[in-house]
Protein backbone atom coordinates (compact mmCIF):
# COMPACT_ATOMS: atom_id res chain seq x y z
CA MET A 1 29.34 -29.80 -31.59
CA PHE A 2 25.80 -29.18 -30.62
CA THR A 3 24.65 -31.79 -27.86
CA LEU A 4 21.87 -32.08 -25.39
CA ASP A 5 24.40 -30.80 -22.68
CA TYR A 6 24.28 -27.54 -24.24
CA ILE A 7 20.20 -27.70 -24.37
CA GLU A 8 20.22 -28.81 -20.64
CA LYS A 9 22.30 -25.70 -19.78
CA CYS A 10 20.17 -23.71 -21.83
CA LEU A 11 17.20 -25.27 -19.78
CA ASN A 12 19.02 -24.61 -16.56
CA LEU A 13 17.73 -27.16 -14.81
CA LYS A 14 20.14 -29.41 -12.48
CA GLY A 15 20.60 -33.18 -12.79
CA VAL A 16 18.17 -33.83 -15.62
CA ILE A 17 18.44 -35.85 -18.72
CA VAL A 18 17.20 -34.41 -22.03
CA GLU A 19 15.43 -37.23 -23.59
CA ASN A 20 14.12 -35.35 -26.90
CA ILE A 21 12.47 -32.20 -28.31
CA VAL A 22 9.21 -31.93 -30.32
CA ASN A 23 7.87 -28.77 -31.72
CA ILE A 24 4.36 -28.76 -32.45
CA ALA A 25 2.98 -25.09 -33.95
CA GLU A 26 4.38 -22.53 -31.39
CA GLU A 27 4.47 -25.29 -28.85
CA GLN A 28 8.18 -26.50 -27.64
CA HIS A 29 7.75 -30.21 -25.73
CA ILE A 30 10.88 -31.05 -24.17
CA TYR A 31 11.10 -34.85 -22.67
CA LEU A 32 13.23 -35.01 -19.68
CA SER A 33 13.93 -37.72 -17.15
CA LEU A 34 15.68 -37.78 -13.74
CA PRO A 35 18.78 -39.89 -13.09
CA VAL A 36 18.11 -43.21 -11.05
CA GLN A 37 19.20 -42.23 -7.44
CA GLU A 38 18.49 -44.29 -4.26
CA GLN A 39 15.51 -42.34 -2.29
CA CYS A 40 14.58 -41.71 1.15
CA CYS A 41 11.21 -42.67 2.11
CA PRO A 42 9.44 -39.70 3.52
CA HIS A 43 7.37 -42.11 5.90
CA CYS A 44 9.77 -44.11 7.57
CA GLY A 45 13.16 -42.38 6.50
CA HIS A 46 14.33 -45.90 4.98
CA LEU A 47 16.57 -45.67 1.90
CA THR A 48 15.08 -47.63 -1.39
CA LYS A 49 15.90 -48.44 -4.74
CA TYR A 50 13.31 -50.28 -5.99
CA ILE A 51 10.86 -48.91 -8.46
CA LYS A 52 7.07 -49.68 -8.62
CA ASP A 53 6.29 -47.86 -11.79
CA TYR A 54 6.56 -44.84 -14.09
CA ARG A 55 4.24 -41.90 -15.21
CA GLU A 56 4.90 -39.06 -17.69
CA GLN A 57 3.63 -35.28 -16.29
CA GLN A 58 3.36 -32.36 -18.25
CA ILE A 59 4.44 -29.27 -16.74
CA LYS A 60 4.32 -25.72 -18.04
CA ASP A 61 7.52 -23.60 -18.26
CA LEU A 62 8.47 -19.96 -19.12
CA GLY A 63 8.44 -19.18 -22.69
CA ALA A 64 11.22 -19.62 -25.08
CA PHE A 65 12.23 -18.02 -28.54
CA GLY A 66 8.41 -17.40 -29.40
CA SER A 67 7.24 -20.52 -28.12
CA THR A 68 5.18 -21.73 -25.29
CA VAL A 69 7.30 -24.74 -23.41
CA TYR A 70 6.25 -27.67 -21.75
CA LEU A 71 8.32 -30.29 -19.51
CA HIS A 72 7.79 -33.66 -20.14
CA VAL A 73 8.91 -35.54 -16.90
CA CYS A 74 8.90 -39.13 -16.39
CA LYS A 75 8.36 -39.35 -13.15
CA ARG A 76 9.34 -42.81 -10.89
CA ARG A 77 7.47 -44.15 -8.23
CA TYR A 78 9.56 -45.78 -5.64
CA VAL A 79 8.05 -48.94 -3.22
CA CYS A 80 10.04 -48.59 0.34
CA LYS A 81 10.66 -52.25 1.14
CA LYS A 82 10.26 -51.53 5.35
CA CYS A 83 6.95 -49.65 5.50
CA SER A 84 5.55 -50.95 1.99
CA LYS A 85 4.83 -47.23 1.27
CA THR A 86 4.92 -45.61 -2.46
CA PHE A 87 6.13 -42.14 -3.19
CA TYR A 88 7.54 -40.20 -6.19
CA GLU A 89 10.73 -39.05 -6.86
CA LYS A 90 11.63 -35.57 -5.73
CA ASN A 91 13.29 -32.94 -7.98
CA THR A 92 14.48 -29.62 -7.66
CA PHE A 93 12.45 -27.52 -10.14
CA LEU A 94 8.51 -28.63 -9.43
CA ALA A 95 6.70 -28.08 -6.11
CA ARG A 96 4.54 -30.81 -5.10
CA TYR A 97 0.93 -31.05 -6.73
CA GLN A 98 1.89 -28.11 -9.26
CA ARG A 99 1.74 -28.19 -12.84
CA THR A 100 3.96 -25.43 -13.45
CA THR A 101 7.73 -25.07 -12.77
CA ASN A 102 9.23 -23.11 -9.81
CA ARG A 103 10.48 -20.67 -11.70
CA PHE A 104 7.13 -19.71 -13.99
CA ALA A 105 5.53 -19.06 -10.69
CA LEU A 106 8.20 -16.98 -9.38
CA LYS A 107 7.96 -14.92 -12.93
CA ILE A 108 3.74 -14.78 -12.45
CA ILE A 109 4.87 -13.24 -8.74
CA GLU A 110 7.70 -10.82 -10.20
CA GLU A 111 5.08 -9.52 -12.54
CA ILE A 112 2.56 -8.52 -9.95
CA GLN A 113 5.01 -6.06 -8.56
CA ALA A 114 3.77 -3.87 -11.08
CA ALA A 115 0.81 -2.14 -11.08
CA GLN A 116 -1.24 -4.40 -13.23
CA ALA A 117 -4.21 -6.15 -13.54
CA PHE A 118 -4.38 -10.28 -12.70
CA SER A 119 -6.23 -10.27 -16.05
CA GLN A 120 -3.48 -8.93 -17.80
CA ILE A 121 -0.72 -11.12 -16.62
CA ALA A 122 -2.55 -14.33 -17.05
CA LYS A 123 -2.94 -13.55 -20.48
CA ARG A 124 0.74 -13.01 -21.22
CA PHE A 125 1.79 -15.82 -19.69
CA SER A 126 -1.66 -18.18 -21.06
CA VAL A 127 -2.96 -18.70 -18.21
CA SER A 128 -6.14 -18.54 -15.79
CA ILE A 129 -6.90 -15.41 -13.68
CA SER A 130 -7.83 -18.23 -11.16
CA THR A 131 -3.93 -19.72 -11.54
CA VAL A 132 -2.32 -16.16 -10.97
CA MET A 133 -4.36 -15.64 -8.02
CA ARG A 134 -3.47 -19.31 -6.39
CA LYS A 135 0.21 -18.23 -7.31
CA PHE A 136 0.21 -15.14 -5.70
CA SER A 137 -1.54 -16.15 -2.31
CA ILE A 138 1.60 -18.24 -1.75
CA ILE A 139 2.81 -15.22 -0.06
CA ASN A 140 2.48 -14.56 3.23
CA PHE A 141 4.11 -11.41 4.87
CA PRO A 142 4.47 -11.45 8.82
CA LYS A 143 3.26 -9.07 11.13
CA PRO A 144 6.07 -6.12 11.22
CA LYS A 145 8.15 -4.51 13.97
CA LEU A 146 7.14 -1.10 14.92
CA PRO A 147 9.30 1.95 14.44
CA GLU A 148 10.28 4.70 16.84
CA ILE A 149 8.00 7.06 14.28
CA LEU A 150 5.05 5.44 13.28
CA SER A 151 2.34 7.22 10.75
CA ILE A 152 -1.44 5.56 10.54
CA ASP A 153 -3.98 6.70 8.19
CA GLU A 154 -7.52 5.35 6.65
CA PHE A 155 -8.18 4.59 3.02
CA ARG A 156 -11.11 3.08 1.19
CA GLY A 157 -10.39 -0.24 -0.03
CA ASN A 158 -13.82 -1.48 0.44
CA ALA A 159 -12.02 -5.04 0.90
CA GLY A 160 -13.08 -8.20 3.04
CA GLY A 161 -16.41 -6.58 3.69
CA GLU A 162 -15.41 -3.49 5.43
CA LYS A 163 -15.41 -0.16 3.65
CA PHE A 164 -12.42 1.48 4.98
CA GLN A 165 -9.16 -0.54 5.98
CA CYS A 166 -6.24 1.13 7.26
CA VAL A 167 -2.02 1.67 6.16
CA LEU A 168 0.95 1.80 8.56
CA THR A 169 3.78 2.86 7.34
CA SER A 170 7.26 4.12 8.81
CA PRO A 171 8.01 8.06 6.97
CA SER A 172 11.08 8.14 8.69
CA GLU A 173 12.41 4.69 6.26
CA HIS A 174 9.54 5.55 3.90
CA LYS A 175 8.61 1.97 4.09
CA VAL A 176 5.06 0.53 4.32
CA LEU A 177 4.35 -1.76 7.71
CA ASP A 178 1.13 -3.64 7.27
CA ILE A 179 -2.70 -3.26 5.72
CA LEU A 180 -5.09 -3.74 8.44
CA ALA A 181 -8.63 -4.97 7.62
CA SER A 182 -10.65 -2.28 9.40
CA ARG A 183 -10.78 0.95 11.38
CA ASN A 184 -12.53 -0.07 13.62
CA THR A 185 -11.40 0.46 17.10
CA GLY A 186 -12.28 -2.81 18.54
CA LYS A 187 -10.01 -4.34 15.75
CA LEU A 188 -7.70 -1.77 15.87
CA GLN A 189 -7.10 -1.94 19.55
CA GLN A 190 -6.75 -6.07 18.99
CA TYR A 191 -4.15 -5.62 16.21
CA PHE A 192 -1.98 -3.50 18.40
CA LEU A 193 -2.50 -5.47 21.63
CA SER A 194 -0.86 -8.38 19.21
CA PHE A 195 2.94 -6.64 20.43
CA ASN A 196 3.47 -6.77 23.60
CA ARG A 197 3.72 -3.55 26.14
CA GLU A 198 7.96 -3.30 25.45
CA GLU A 199 7.58 -3.50 21.69
CA ARG A 200 4.43 -0.62 21.95
CA LYS A 201 7.01 1.55 24.06
CA GLN A 202 9.50 1.66 21.28
CA VAL A 203 7.12 4.11 19.29
CA LYS A 204 8.20 7.80 20.07
CA THR A 205 6.04 9.58 17.85
CA ILE A 206 2.57 8.84 15.84
CA VAL A 207 1.41 10.89 12.93
CA MET A 208 -2.01 10.72 12.25
CA ASP A 209 -4.98 12.97 10.79
CA MET A 210 -7.16 14.62 13.23
CA SER A 211 -9.11 11.27 13.72
CA ASN A 212 -10.40 10.62 17.10
CA ILE A 213 -10.26 7.12 16.69
CA PHE A 214 -6.82 6.84 16.02
CA ARG A 215 -6.05 9.36 18.92
CA SER A 216 -7.62 7.46 20.98
CA ILE A 217 -5.99 4.21 20.08
CA ALA A 218 -2.75 6.20 20.43
CA GLU A 219 -3.32 7.44 23.84
CA ASN A 220 -4.58 3.77 25.51
CA LEU A 221 -2.14 1.82 24.03
CA PHE A 222 1.14 3.66 23.12
CA PRO A 223 2.12 5.34 26.76
CA CYS A 224 5.60 6.57 25.45
CA ALA A 225 4.42 8.29 22.03
CA GLN A 226 3.73 11.83 21.39
CA ILE A 227 0.56 12.32 18.67
CA VAL A 228 1.56 14.67 15.87
CA ALA A 229 -1.32 15.82 13.74
CA ASP A 230 -0.78 15.90 9.78
CA LYS A 231 0.07 19.24 8.54
CA PHE A 232 -1.93 18.80 5.53
CA HIS A 233 -5.09 18.15 7.00
CA VAL A 234 -4.70 20.82 9.09
CA ILE A 235 -4.31 23.58 7.23
CA ARG A 236 -6.73 21.68 4.83
CA LEU A 237 -9.65 22.33 7.26
CA VAL A 238 -8.64 26.18 7.37
CA SER A 239 -9.06 26.14 3.74
CA TRP A 240 -12.30 24.51 3.67
CA ASP A 241 -13.48 26.89 6.09
CA LEU A 242 -12.57 29.91 3.77
CA ASP A 243 -14.19 28.15 0.94
CA LYS A 244 -17.46 27.78 2.70
CA VAL A 245 -17.54 31.63 3.20
CA ARG A 246 -16.43 32.29 -0.45
CA LYS A 247 -19.49 30.07 -1.40
CA GLN A 248 -21.83 31.73 0.79
CA GLU A 249 -20.62 35.40 -0.35
CA GLN A 250 -20.91 34.76 -4.10
CA LEU A 251 -24.35 33.51 -3.72
CA LYS A 252 -25.18 37.15 -2.91
CA MET A 253 -23.75 38.52 -6.32
CA ALA A 254 -24.64 38.59 -9.94
CA LYS A 255 -24.27 35.74 -12.24
CA ALA A 256 -21.13 37.05 -13.99
CA ARG A 257 -19.33 38.35 -10.67
CA ARG A 258 -20.63 34.90 -9.12
CA ILE A 259 -18.74 32.94 -11.85
CA TYR A 260 -15.74 35.13 -11.71
CA PHE A 261 -15.28 34.42 -7.87
CA LYS A 262 -15.85 30.54 -8.49
CA ARG A 263 -12.97 30.42 -10.90
CA SER A 264 -10.59 32.54 -8.78
CA LYS A 265 -11.07 29.98 -5.87
CA LYS A 266 -7.62 28.75 -6.47
CA LEU A 267 -6.01 32.40 -5.97
CA LEU A 268 -8.22 32.67 -2.60
CA LEU A 269 -6.54 29.44 -1.12
CA SER A 270 -2.83 29.76 -2.32
CA PRO A 271 -0.48 31.13 0.03
CA ARG A 272 -0.48 35.11 -0.56
CA SER A 273 3.28 34.69 -0.54
CA LYS A 274 3.30 32.56 -3.87
CA LEU A 275 1.23 34.80 -5.84
CA SER A 276 2.45 36.95 -8.81
CA ASP A 277 1.49 40.69 -8.42
CA GLU A 278 -1.11 40.75 -10.95
CA ASP A 279 -2.74 38.05 -8.92
CA LYS A 280 -2.50 39.42 -5.33
CA ALA A 281 -4.19 42.63 -6.89
CA ALA A 282 -7.10 40.26 -8.36
CA VAL A 283 -7.47 38.70 -4.77
CA ASP A 284 -7.64 42.41 -3.19
CA VAL A 285 -10.37 43.30 -5.90
CA MET A 286 -12.51 40.28 -5.01
CA LEU A 287 -11.49 40.73 -1.06
CA SER A 288 -13.04 44.74 -1.65
CA LEU A 289 -16.36 43.24 -2.54
CA SER A 290 -17.03 41.07 0.45
CA PRO A 291 -16.10 42.43 4.41
CA ARG A 292 -16.65 38.63 5.71
CA LEU A 293 -14.81 36.91 3.02
CA SER A 294 -11.74 39.51 3.31
CA ARG A 295 -11.56 38.42 7.12
CA ALA A 296 -12.04 34.75 6.15
CA TYR A 297 -8.80 35.47 4.10
CA VAL A 298 -6.86 37.33 7.09
CA LEU A 299 -7.25 34.33 9.25
CA LYS A 300 -6.04 31.79 6.20
CA GLU A 301 -3.06 34.01 5.89
CA GLU A 302 -2.82 34.45 9.55
CA PHE A 303 -3.10 30.45 10.53
CA TYR A 304 0.05 30.20 8.17
CA LYS A 305 2.21 32.01 10.50
CA VAL A 306 1.99 29.05 13.35
CA PHE A 307 3.90 27.14 11.00
CA MET A 308 6.44 29.74 10.67
CA SER A 309 7.59 29.53 14.46
CA LYS A 310 10.83 27.89 14.78
CA THR A 311 9.98 26.07 18.43
CA LYS A 312 6.86 24.51 19.49
CA SER A 313 6.66 27.13 22.29
CA GLU A 314 6.48 29.65 19.66
CA ALA A 315 4.11 27.58 18.08
CA LYS A 316 1.77 27.60 21.04
CA ARG A 317 1.62 31.28 21.10
CA ALA A 318 1.03 31.84 17.33
CA LEU A 319 -1.73 29.30 17.20
CA GLY A 320 -3.37 30.57 20.79
CA ARG A 321 -3.02 34.00 19.25
CA TRP A 322 -4.81 32.91 15.38
CA LEU A 323 -7.94 30.94 17.95
CA TRP A 324 -8.27 34.60 19.47
CA LEU A 325 -9.04 36.01 16.02
CA VAL A 326 -11.51 33.44 14.90
CA ASP A 327 -13.50 34.61 17.75
CA LYS A 328 -13.15 38.03 16.77
CA ALA A 329 -14.01 37.56 13.47
CA GLY A 330 -17.11 36.25 14.41
CA LEU A 331 -17.51 33.78 11.22
CA GLU A 332 -19.77 30.57 11.90
CA GLU A 333 -18.08 28.92 9.01
CA PHE A 334 -15.01 28.81 11.45
CA LYS A 335 -16.69 27.50 14.28
CA ASN A 336 -15.89 23.83 14.37
CA CYS A 337 -12.57 24.44 13.01
CA ARG A 338 -11.66 26.58 16.21
CA LEU A 339 -13.42 23.80 18.53
CA THR A 340 -11.22 20.95 16.16
CA PHE A 341 -8.16 22.69 16.71
CA SER A 342 -8.60 23.56 20.62
CA ARG A 343 -8.41 19.95 21.33
CA TRP A 344 -5.86 18.97 18.86
CA PHE A 345 -3.86 21.83 20.12
CA GLU A 346 -0.75 19.78 21.40
CA ALA A 347 -1.01 17.70 18.36
CA ILE A 348 -0.80 20.76 15.96
CA THR A 349 2.28 22.51 17.63
CA ASN A 350 4.04 19.08 17.74
CA ILE A 351 4.09 19.57 13.96
CA ILE A 352 7.01 22.13 14.67
CA LYS A 353 8.73 20.21 17.29
CA TYR A 354 8.96 16.74 15.54
CA GLN A 355 8.72 18.01 11.84
CA VAL A 356 7.27 14.92 10.46
CA THR A 357 4.19 14.22 8.26
CA ASN A 358 1.83 11.99 6.72
CA GLY A 359 3.39 12.67 3.03
CA PHE A 360 4.64 9.45 2.33
CA THR A 361 1.48 7.62 3.82
CA GLU A 362 -0.65 9.92 1.76
CA GLY A 363 1.48 8.76 -1.16
CA ILE A 364 0.84 5.12 -0.42
CA ASN A 365 -3.09 5.66 -0.37
CA ASN A 366 -2.31 6.88 -3.94
CA LYS A 367 -0.71 4.11 -4.90
CA ILE A 368 -3.48 1.74 -3.70
CA LYS A 369 -6.32 3.69 -5.51
CA VAL A 370 -3.89 2.89 -8.78
CA LEU A 371 -3.88 -0.77 -7.74
CA LYS A 372 -7.58 -0.58 -7.27
CA ARG A 373 -8.35 1.07 -10.49
CA VAL A 374 -6.33 -1.40 -12.41
CA SER A 375 -7.70 -4.16 -10.84
CA TYR A 376 -11.34 -3.05 -11.01
CA GLY A 377 -11.71 -3.60 -7.37
CA ILE A 378 -9.91 -6.08 -5.13
CA LYS A 379 -12.61 -7.43 -2.91
CA THR A 380 -10.48 -9.98 -0.71
CA PHE A 381 -8.50 -8.48 2.06
CA LYS A 382 -5.57 -10.94 1.62
CA ILE A 383 -5.04 -10.36 -1.88
CA LEU A 384 -5.54 -5.98 -1.47
CA ARG A 385 -2.91 -6.54 1.72
CA ASN A 386 -0.15 -8.74 -0.27
CA ARG A 387 -0.46 -6.34 -3.22
CA VAL A 388 -0.26 -3.26 -1.22
CA LEU A 389 3.07 -4.79 0.64
CA PHE A 390 4.52 -6.32 -2.61
CA SER A 391 4.35 -3.44 -4.89
CA LYS A 392 7.10 -1.29 -6.21
CA ALA A 393 4.98 0.48 -8.41
């Protein structure tokens, strides 16, 4: 026989008494009460069983069977005979000052893990956007533990009044550690100094793009860490300089040939070893038309040999030879690249020794862009930090 005991089990609420159920349109109103029990006064700790009055509270719960569910709880207010203070009885499904059940709030927070806007979640649960944000603000991520391999990168967050924020990850664990409010040197120092010296000594490798700010922080605050330049950013500098030469050279050409050079830029930037015979022939034709472009292309191809090295000492020799080739080539476009690589010589050759990159961190940066796009921008830094650290998308 179908009884209220089964209804209580369907509700999955312990220690409640179902008094009545009323269906109104697409809403289901369930009237509950709690069994009378002796209560402990939160003010003095004295036990009391004296009831002063009752109050009915309407609470929103998770929907069921296509209906919006509201719980009507008849709450008792007790009075303590020792201190004369009054208080409401406690229950396991409703937090203080809340008008939704705990599981309703947890379900909203769970939905935020996916890359979707707060407005979409609010519409699906029939609540306001501010309610969704308020539930999410309950989450508070503590300061992380520093790993042995630390990766740091910046991204454009436009949150908290700062244009750029920083992301810290553990590339070996594929884990996001923290989001920092600013890339400002002073604020970065303040953050990392919140870790004691012993904690900072545990970091043995720091991977970064070729940012002087990050290198200064690493050298001053992480005495036991080796700096490793990110391989992608290193190769990108060489590719950019090759492309600068291409742009300068095609300006000297007729319109048809200029368009061809522009559309064939991908062939020039791709490693020659990955090109088909047909593409190699096309590249050779372009290089035959411009001696400067030909020298730049040789520099690009020679640079790949640095990363074919087996040891760091071999990489040092290869990189030193490449810098000599840049001097011999006499290309103004490679001047800044040569200067940068000279300053980051150790960090670049460390790529071969430690075999770590910022690849995972760059992937997190892309995820942050997705979260910002679906949210139409996130201006509050705490919400941005929580979304990134909490998201599973």
